[in-house]
Amino acid sequence: MLNLSQNGCSVWVASATEGLLTPTAVALGKFDGVHLGHQRVIQPVLQLANKQVSQRTLGADERNLRELSPTDCKTPAPQATNHIYSTVVTFHPHPQEFFTGQPRALLTPLDEKVEQLRSLGIEQLVLLPFDKELSALSPEEFVEKILVQQLRCQQLSVGQDFCFGKQRTGTARDLQLLAAKYDIPVTIVTLEKYTGKAELPQENNCASLPPTPDLPISTSLIRQTLENGDVKNANLLLGRPYTLFGVVIQGQQLGRTIDFPTANLQLPKDKFLPRFGVYAVRVFLTEQTSDTSVPLLGVMNIGNRPTVAGTNTSVEVHLFDWAGDLYDKKLAVQLVQFLRPEQKFSSLEALKAQIQLDCNIAKQVLLFP
C-alpha cells in the first residue's frame, strides 16, 4: 500500500543518520503529540518546501513507509536533485525514558506520529538514537556532527523552549548562534499559548526562558488534561480529537451477557491512556477514515473492570446500533467527552442499568453537541 500524505508526499522514516534524504530543512524537537505548538514549529519547514521550484515527483512505485534499522540504512535512499527535504528530527527512545530507565507512555507512538506528520506534508522523519553517545555531545558537537555533517541541514526551526546538548546546556538562542557559523538560518518559534483553566506542571526548561502570563501548549499540559478527564481542552490543545488506535481482540464476552457487547481493543504498549472511566466516543474503521466517512457512535470504558474482579487494564467500546464481526479490525476511537469515573457496582444488573444511562447521555453528547 502506498503511504501518502494529503499533499501527495510519503514519509521516509530513518532510525539512524545514514541513508537519509538530504539536504534537509529541519524541525527539531521531541514532538510527542504533534500538538498545535508543535505544528507551529513545523510550519517554517513546510513553507520552505512549498516555495521550492523543483518539486519531487512521486511515481506509482514510490517506496512504502517503513522504519529503517541501522543495517537497512547502508543503501542510501534515492536523492532528488536540488530538492530540500522537509524533515522532522526527533529522538528515540524518548530522552526521559533513557535517563530514568522507565518506559514512557506517549501521546503519539511512532506509527501515529508518522501519520500526523504525513497529514501535514512532512517528507522525512529522522529518529536519532538517544543513547549515551548522543547525550554526551556538546551543543557545538551536536550542530557540527548531526545537523551539518549528517543531515546537511539548510534551515532549522525550533520552539522557544528548545534545549539540547549535554545536560541540556544549549538553548534555542545558542543553536541560532552556532548554526550561523555554517550559514544555517534558525527560526525560533514563540510558544503557542493556552488560556484555559488547567494548571501547567513544573518542567525543567532552560533557565533563560522568560516567564509568561499564559500557559504554553505542551505535551505535559495535554497529558495532565487527559489525566483529569478534560477531553475538551485536550482536543483543543492538540487541534484534533485525542484518538486511540487499536485492533479488536477476543475478550471475555461478558458484555454480551448483559446485552451490551463490546469490542476489546489492543493498543500499542506505549500509548498514553487518559483517566480511567467511561467516555462518549466516535469510532472509525481505519480503512474508512476519509473525510466523507460517517463515524460509528458509542461509549468506551477504560479501566480494570472492578465489578467483575478484573485485574488488567482493558479498553472496551460498545457501539450503538451495530451488528457485525469486528475481530482483527483496526479501530480509531476519538474521545469526545468524559462521562464518569470507573466504579464498582454491587451486581451485573446495577452495572447494566448504569451502562444504559451512560449510553443515553453519550447519545445526547454525540448527536446534539
Protein backbone atom coordinates (compact mmCIF):
# COMPACT_ATOMS: atom_id res chain seq x y z
CA MET A 1 0.00 0.00 0.00
CA LEU A 2 1.30 3.42 -0.94
CA ASN A 3 1.61 5.68 2.12
CA LEU A 4 0.87 9.21 1.01
CA SER A 5 0.17 12.48 2.75
CA GLN A 6 -2.69 14.78 1.81
CA ASN A 7 -0.35 16.69 -0.48
CA GLY A 8 0.99 13.55 -2.13
CA CYS A 9 4.18 13.08 -0.11
CA SER A 10 5.31 9.87 1.52
CA VAL A 11 7.27 9.89 4.77
CA TRP A 12 10.70 8.31 4.81
CA VAL A 13 11.44 7.09 8.35
CA ALA A 14 15.05 6.51 9.35
CA SER A 15 16.28 5.21 12.69
CA ALA A 16 19.88 6.22 12.08
CA THR A 17 21.64 9.16 10.50
CA GLU A 18 22.77 7.21 7.44
CA GLY A 19 20.81 6.67 4.24
CA LEU A 20 18.96 9.92 4.72
CA LEU A 21 17.22 12.10 2.19
CA THR A 22 19.42 15.20 2.08
CA PRO A 23 19.79 18.15 2.11
CA THR A 24 17.18 18.91 4.72
CA ALA A 25 15.09 21.65 6.26
CA VAL A 26 14.70 20.50 9.85
CA ALA A 27 12.13 20.97 12.59
CA LEU A 28 13.89 19.76 15.74
CA GLY A 29 12.27 18.55 18.97
CA LYS A 30 10.51 15.65 20.69
CA PHE A 31 7.10 16.31 19.10
CA ASP A 32 5.12 13.87 21.26
CA GLY A 33 1.52 14.66 20.42
CA VAL A 34 2.22 16.76 17.32
CA HIS A 35 0.01 19.34 19.01
CA LEU A 36 -0.73 22.91 17.91
CA GLY A 37 2.53 24.19 19.37
CA HIS A 38 4.50 21.53 17.50
CA GLN A 39 2.68 22.34 14.29
CA ARG A 40 3.84 25.96 14.56
CA VAL A 41 7.45 24.74 14.84
CA ILE A 42 6.98 22.52 11.79
CA GLN A 43 5.34 25.23 9.68
CA PRO A 44 8.54 27.10 8.61
CA VAL A 45 9.96 23.84 7.24
CA LEU A 46 6.83 23.24 5.20
CA GLN A 47 6.82 26.79 3.93
CA LEU A 48 10.34 26.34 2.56
CA ALA A 49 9.33 23.09 0.87
CA ASN A 50 6.31 24.75 -0.71
CA LYS A 51 8.45 27.55 -2.12
CA GLN A 52 10.85 25.27 -3.94
CA VAL A 53 10.66 25.49 -7.70
CA SER A 54 11.83 21.93 -8.20
CA GLN A 55 9.39 19.52 -6.57
CA ARG A 56 9.89 15.83 -6.17
CA THR A 57 7.52 13.78 -8.34
CA LEU A 58 6.19 10.61 -6.79
CA GLY A 59 5.57 7.69 -9.12
CA ALA A 60 3.42 4.66 -8.56
CA ASP A 61 6.49 2.74 -7.47
CA GLU A 62 7.33 5.13 -4.60
CA ARG A 63 8.61 3.10 -1.68
CA ASN A 64 6.29 2.31 1.20
CA LEU A 65 6.66 3.95 4.55
CA ARG A 66 8.88 1.83 6.75
CA GLU A 67 11.18 2.23 9.70
CA LEU A 68 14.78 1.56 8.80
CA SER A 69 17.13 -0.38 11.02
CA PRO A 70 20.76 0.72 11.07
CA THR A 71 21.64 -2.18 8.74
CA ASP A 72 18.91 -1.15 6.31
CA CYS A 73 20.50 2.26 6.07
CA LYS A 74 23.61 1.01 4.29
CA THR A 75 21.98 1.74 0.95
CA PRO A 76 21.14 5.43 0.72
CA ALA A 77 17.70 6.37 -0.46
CA PRO A 78 17.32 7.89 -3.94
CA GLN A 79 18.05 11.62 -3.92
CA ALA A 80 16.25 14.34 -5.86
CA THR A 81 18.49 17.00 -7.39
CA ASN A 82 18.25 20.45 -5.78
CA HIS A 83 15.43 19.35 -3.51
CA ILE A 84 15.49 20.23 0.19
CA TYR A 85 13.53 17.63 2.15
CA SER A 86 11.10 18.80 4.81
CA THR A 87 12.28 16.80 7.82
CA VAL A 88 11.28 16.34 11.43
CA VAL A 89 14.16 15.23 13.64
CA THR A 90 13.32 13.72 17.00
CA PHE A 91 14.73 11.21 19.47
CA HIS A 92 14.16 7.51 20.09
CA PRO A 93 13.71 6.43 22.78
CA HIS A 94 12.25 9.49 24.46
CA PRO A 95 15.09 11.18 26.43
CA GLN A 96 13.16 10.83 29.69
CA GLU A 97 12.90 7.09 29.12
CA PHE A 98 16.66 6.88 28.55
CA PHE A 99 17.57 8.80 31.70
CA THR A 100 15.05 7.16 34.04
CA GLY A 101 15.19 3.63 32.64
CA GLN A 102 11.39 3.54 32.84
CA PRO A 103 9.09 3.10 29.82
CA ARG A 104 7.25 6.30 28.91
CA ALA A 105 3.73 6.28 27.54
CA LEU A 106 3.35 8.56 24.54
CA LEU A 107 0.51 10.66 23.18
CA THR A 108 1.62 9.63 19.69
CA PRO A 109 3.52 6.34 19.42
CA LEU A 110 5.69 6.07 16.32
CA ASP A 111 3.06 4.89 13.81
CA GLU A 112 0.64 7.57 14.97
CA LYS A 113 3.32 10.27 14.84
CA VAL A 114 4.17 9.28 11.27
CA GLU A 115 0.51 9.55 10.29
CA GLN A 116 0.23 13.03 11.78
CA LEU A 117 3.44 14.22 10.10
CA ARG A 118 2.27 12.76 6.79
CA SER A 119 -1.01 14.65 7.04
CA LEU A 120 0.95 17.88 7.50
CA GLY A 121 3.10 17.21 4.43
CA ILE A 122 6.42 16.25 6.05
CA GLU A 123 8.62 14.12 3.78
CA GLN A 124 11.02 12.58 6.28
CA LEU A 125 11.16 11.63 9.96
CA VAL A 126 14.60 11.01 11.45
CA LEU A 127 14.75 9.16 14.76
CA LEU A 128 18.05 10.00 16.40
CA PRO A 129 19.03 7.05 18.65
CA PHE A 130 19.10 8.67 22.08
CA ASP A 131 21.91 6.85 23.82
CA LYS A 132 24.96 7.57 25.98
CA GLU A 133 26.95 8.79 23.00
CA LEU A 134 24.31 11.23 21.74
CA SER A 135 23.52 12.54 25.22
CA ALA A 136 27.22 13.31 25.78
CA LEU A 137 27.53 15.58 22.72
CA SER A 138 28.13 19.23 23.49
CA PRO A 139 25.89 21.75 21.73
CA GLU A 140 28.75 22.53 19.34
CA GLU A 141 29.31 18.85 18.55
CA PHE A 142 25.60 18.24 18.01
CA VAL A 143 25.37 21.04 15.46
CA GLU A 144 28.53 20.02 13.60
CA LYS A 145 28.19 16.22 13.62
CA ILE A 146 24.43 15.75 13.41
CA LEU A 147 22.95 18.81 11.74
CA VAL A 148 25.76 19.81 9.41
CA GLN A 149 27.66 16.63 8.53
CA GLN A 150 24.92 14.00 8.62
CA LEU A 151 21.69 15.88 7.90
CA ARG A 152 23.21 18.53 5.61
CA CYS A 153 20.74 20.93 7.18
CA GLN A 154 19.89 24.09 5.21
CA GLN A 155 17.32 25.56 7.59
CA LEU A 156 16.24 24.91 11.18
CA SER A 157 13.10 25.53 13.18
CA VAL A 158 12.78 25.03 16.96
CA GLY A 159 10.48 26.10 19.73
CA GLN A 160 11.41 28.94 22.05
CA ASP A 161 11.92 26.48 24.94
CA PHE A 162 14.13 24.05 22.99
CA CYS A 163 17.24 22.79 24.81
CA PHE A 164 19.93 20.44 23.50
CA GLY A 165 23.40 19.09 24.09
CA LYS A 166 24.97 17.53 27.16
CA GLN A 167 22.84 18.19 30.26
CA ARG A 168 20.55 20.39 28.12
CA THR A 169 23.04 23.24 28.27
CA GLY A 170 22.23 24.61 24.80
CA THR A 171 19.28 26.96 24.31
CA ALA A 172 17.40 27.92 21.16
CA ARG A 173 19.44 31.13 21.02
CA ASP A 174 22.67 29.11 21.32
CA LEU A 175 21.52 26.97 18.42
CA GLN A 176 20.89 30.08 16.37
CA LEU A 177 24.41 31.38 17.04
CA LEU A 178 26.13 28.04 16.41
CA ALA A 179 24.20 27.36 13.20
CA ALA A 180 25.05 30.84 11.90
CA LYS A 181 28.69 29.74 11.66
CA TYR A 182 27.55 27.35 8.92
CA ASP A 183 25.16 29.86 7.33
CA ILE A 184 22.13 27.89 8.53
CA PRO A 185 19.19 30.17 9.42
CA VAL A 186 17.29 29.18 12.56
CA THR A 187 13.66 30.13 13.16
CA ILE A 188 12.83 30.31 16.87
CA VAL A 189 9.08 29.90 17.19
CA THR A 190 7.37 31.62 20.10
CA LEU A 191 5.27 29.37 22.29
CA GLU A 192 1.66 28.82 21.34
CA LYS A 193 -0.39 29.95 24.33
CA TYR A 194 -3.29 28.33 26.13
CA THR A 195 -5.76 30.36 28.16
CA GLY A 196 -7.80 27.55 29.73
CA LYS A 197 -8.16 26.70 33.41
CA ALA A 198 -5.77 23.75 33.67
CA GLU A 199 -2.52 24.24 35.56
CA LEU A 200 0.75 23.52 33.81
CA PRO A 201 3.04 21.14 35.74
CA GLN A 202 6.53 22.34 36.51
CA GLU A 203 9.18 21.36 33.98
CA ASN A 204 12.94 21.67 33.86
CA ASN A 205 13.06 24.02 30.91
CA CYS A 206 16.00 26.30 30.21
CA ALA A 207 16.53 28.97 32.84
CA SER A 208 16.76 31.53 30.06
CA LEU A 209 13.11 31.06 29.12
CA PRO A 210 11.22 34.14 30.36
CA PRO A 211 8.02 33.65 32.40
CA THR A 212 4.76 34.19 30.59
CA PRO A 213 1.30 35.06 31.93
CA ASP A 214 -0.38 32.47 29.71
CA LEU A 215 0.23 28.74 29.68
CA PRO A 216 2.29 27.42 26.76
CA ILE A 217 0.77 24.48 24.93
CA SER A 218 2.90 21.50 25.86
CA THR A 219 2.83 17.73 25.92
CA SER A 220 2.81 17.89 29.74
CA LEU A 221 -0.27 20.10 29.77
CA ILE A 222 -2.11 17.77 27.39
CA ARG A 223 -1.17 14.74 29.48
CA GLN A 224 -2.47 16.49 32.58
CA THR A 225 -5.77 17.44 30.96
CA LEU A 226 -6.25 13.83 29.83
CA GLU A 227 -5.37 12.52 33.29
CA ASN A 228 -8.11 14.81 34.63
CA GLY A 229 -10.62 13.58 32.04
CA ASP A 230 -10.69 17.05 30.48
CA VAL A 231 -11.13 15.79 26.93
CA LYS A 232 -12.48 19.04 25.54
CA ASN A 233 -9.40 21.04 26.43
CA ALA A 234 -7.03 18.24 25.45
CA ASN A 235 -8.63 18.15 22.00
CA LEU A 236 -8.35 21.93 21.69
CA LEU A 237 -4.65 21.81 22.58
CA LEU A 238 -3.99 19.02 20.10
CA GLY A 239 -6.02 20.62 17.34
CA ARG A 240 -7.82 17.32 16.80
CA PRO A 241 -9.60 14.65 18.91
CA TYR A 242 -7.37 12.51 21.09
CA THR A 243 -7.61 9.11 19.45
CA LEU A 244 -6.89 5.53 20.47
CA PHE A 245 -5.89 3.22 17.62
CA GLY A 246 -6.25 -0.47 18.36
CA VAL A 247 -7.00 -3.92 16.99
CA VAL A 248 -10.13 -5.73 18.18
CA ILE A 249 -9.19 -8.90 20.04
CA GLN A 250 -11.07 -11.71 21.78
CA GLY A 251 -12.33 -10.74 25.23
CA GLN A 252 -14.30 -12.48 27.98
CA GLN A 253 -17.55 -11.57 26.20
CA LEU A 254 -19.18 -10.55 29.48
CA GLY A 255 -20.82 -7.59 27.76
CA ARG A 256 -22.96 -9.91 25.69
CA THR A 257 -24.46 -11.43 28.82
CA ILE A 258 -25.90 -8.06 29.82
CA ASP A 259 -26.90 -7.03 26.27
CA PHE A 260 -24.03 -4.58 25.81
CA PRO A 261 -21.46 -6.34 23.62
CA THR A 262 -18.10 -4.62 23.48
CA ALA A 263 -15.08 -4.59 21.21
CA ASN A 264 -11.90 -5.15 23.21
CA LEU A 265 -9.03 -3.08 21.86
CA GLN A 266 -5.37 -3.98 21.93
CA LEU A 267 -3.44 -0.71 21.88
CA PRO A 268 0.26 -0.06 21.34
CA LYS A 269 2.06 -0.77 24.61
CA ASP A 270 3.44 2.77 24.75
CA LYS A 271 0.12 4.57 24.15
CA PHE A 272 -0.79 7.08 26.86
CA LEU A 273 -4.15 6.31 28.45
CA PRO A 274 -6.44 9.06 29.76
CA ARG A 275 -8.30 8.94 33.07
CA PHE A 276 -9.96 5.61 33.79
CA GLY A 277 -13.69 5.75 33.25
CA VAL A 278 -16.41 6.00 30.61
CA TYR A 279 -16.27 8.21 27.52
CA ALA A 280 -18.57 9.22 24.68
CA VAL A 281 -16.68 8.34 21.50
CA ARG A 282 -16.75 8.41 17.73
CA VAL A 283 -15.31 5.32 16.07
CA PHE A 284 -13.92 4.74 12.59
CA LEU A 285 -12.80 1.57 10.92
CA THR A 286 -9.31 2.63 9.84
CA GLU A 287 -9.97 1.84 6.19
CA GLN A 288 -12.89 4.27 6.39
CA THR A 289 -11.24 7.36 7.90
CA SER A 290 -11.67 9.60 4.86
CA ASP A 291 -13.32 12.97 5.29
CA THR A 292 -16.55 11.58 3.86
CA SER A 293 -16.81 8.54 6.15
CA VAL A 294 -19.54 8.50 8.78
CA PRO A 295 -18.35 7.64 12.30
CA LEU A 296 -19.91 4.98 14.45
CA LEU A 297 -21.08 6.30 17.82
CA GLY A 298 -20.61 4.62 21.16
CA VAL A 299 -19.27 4.55 24.68
CA MET A 300 -15.83 3.40 25.79
CA ASN A 301 -14.64 2.16 29.16
CA ILE A 302 -11.00 2.30 30.19
CA GLY A 303 -10.07 0.56 33.41
CA ASN A 304 -9.76 -2.65 35.38
CA ARG A 305 -13.46 -3.65 35.44
CA PRO A 306 -13.78 -3.91 39.27
CA THR A 307 -17.38 -5.17 39.12
CA VAL A 308 -16.19 -8.44 37.53
CA ALA A 309 -12.96 -8.62 39.57
CA GLY A 310 -10.81 -7.53 36.68
CA THR A 311 -7.09 -7.10 37.32
CA ASN A 312 -5.66 -5.92 34.00
CA THR A 313 -6.34 -2.63 32.27
CA SER A 314 -8.72 -3.02 29.35
CA VAL A 315 -10.18 -0.71 26.71
CA GLU A 316 -13.69 -1.71 25.62
CA VAL A 317 -16.02 0.02 23.17
CA HIS A 318 -19.77 -0.50 22.85
CA LEU A 319 -21.14 0.72 19.53
CA PHE A 320 -24.72 1.92 19.18
CA ASP A 321 -26.88 0.15 16.61
CA TRP A 322 -24.07 -2.09 15.40
CA ALA A 323 -24.23 -5.72 14.39
CA GLY A 324 -21.23 -7.34 12.82
CA ASP A 325 -17.87 -9.01 13.36
CA LEU A 326 -15.09 -6.62 14.35
CA TYR A 327 -12.44 -9.16 15.32
CA ASP A 328 -9.00 -8.28 13.93
CA LYS A 329 -10.32 -4.97 12.62
CA LYS A 330 -8.36 -1.81 13.44
CA LEU A 331 -10.44 0.93 15.01
CA ALA A 332 -9.74 4.61 15.53
CA VAL A 333 -11.60 5.76 18.66
CA GLN A 334 -11.94 9.52 19.04
CA LEU A 335 -12.59 10.75 22.57
CA VAL A 336 -15.40 13.32 22.71
CA GLN A 337 -16.37 13.66 26.38
CA PHE A 338 -15.59 12.04 29.72
CA LEU A 339 -18.85 10.82 31.29
CA ARG A 340 -17.92 9.33 34.66
CA PRO A 341 -15.09 7.62 36.58
CA GLU A 342 -14.84 3.86 36.71
CA GLN A 343 -16.68 2.39 39.66
CA LYS A 344 -17.58 -0.95 41.22
CA PHE A 345 -21.24 -1.98 41.17
CA SER A 346 -23.00 -4.36 43.54
CA SER A 347 -24.29 -6.59 40.72
CA LEU A 348 -24.27 -7.05 36.97
CA GLU A 349 -27.84 -5.74 36.90
CA ALA A 350 -26.70 -2.50 38.52
CA LEU A 351 -23.85 -2.29 36.01
CA LYS A 352 -26.28 -2.89 33.14
CA ALA A 353 -28.55 -0.10 34.36
CA GLN A 354 -25.63 2.32 34.59
CA ILE A 355 -24.37 1.44 31.10
CA GLN A 356 -27.83 2.20 29.74
CA LEU A 357 -27.68 5.60 31.42
CA ASP A 358 -24.18 6.12 30.01
CA CYS A 359 -25.44 5.32 26.53
CA ASN A 360 -28.34 7.74 26.84
CA ILE A 361 -26.04 10.56 27.96
CA ALA A 362 -23.48 9.74 25.27
CA LYS A 363 -26.13 9.89 22.55
CA GLN A 364 -27.13 13.36 23.74
CA VAL A 365 -23.48 14.46 23.70
CA LEU A 366 -22.73 12.97 20.29
CA LEU A 367 -25.94 13.74 18.44
CA PHE A 368 -26.63 17.19 19.94
CA PRO A 369 -23.22 18.74 20.68
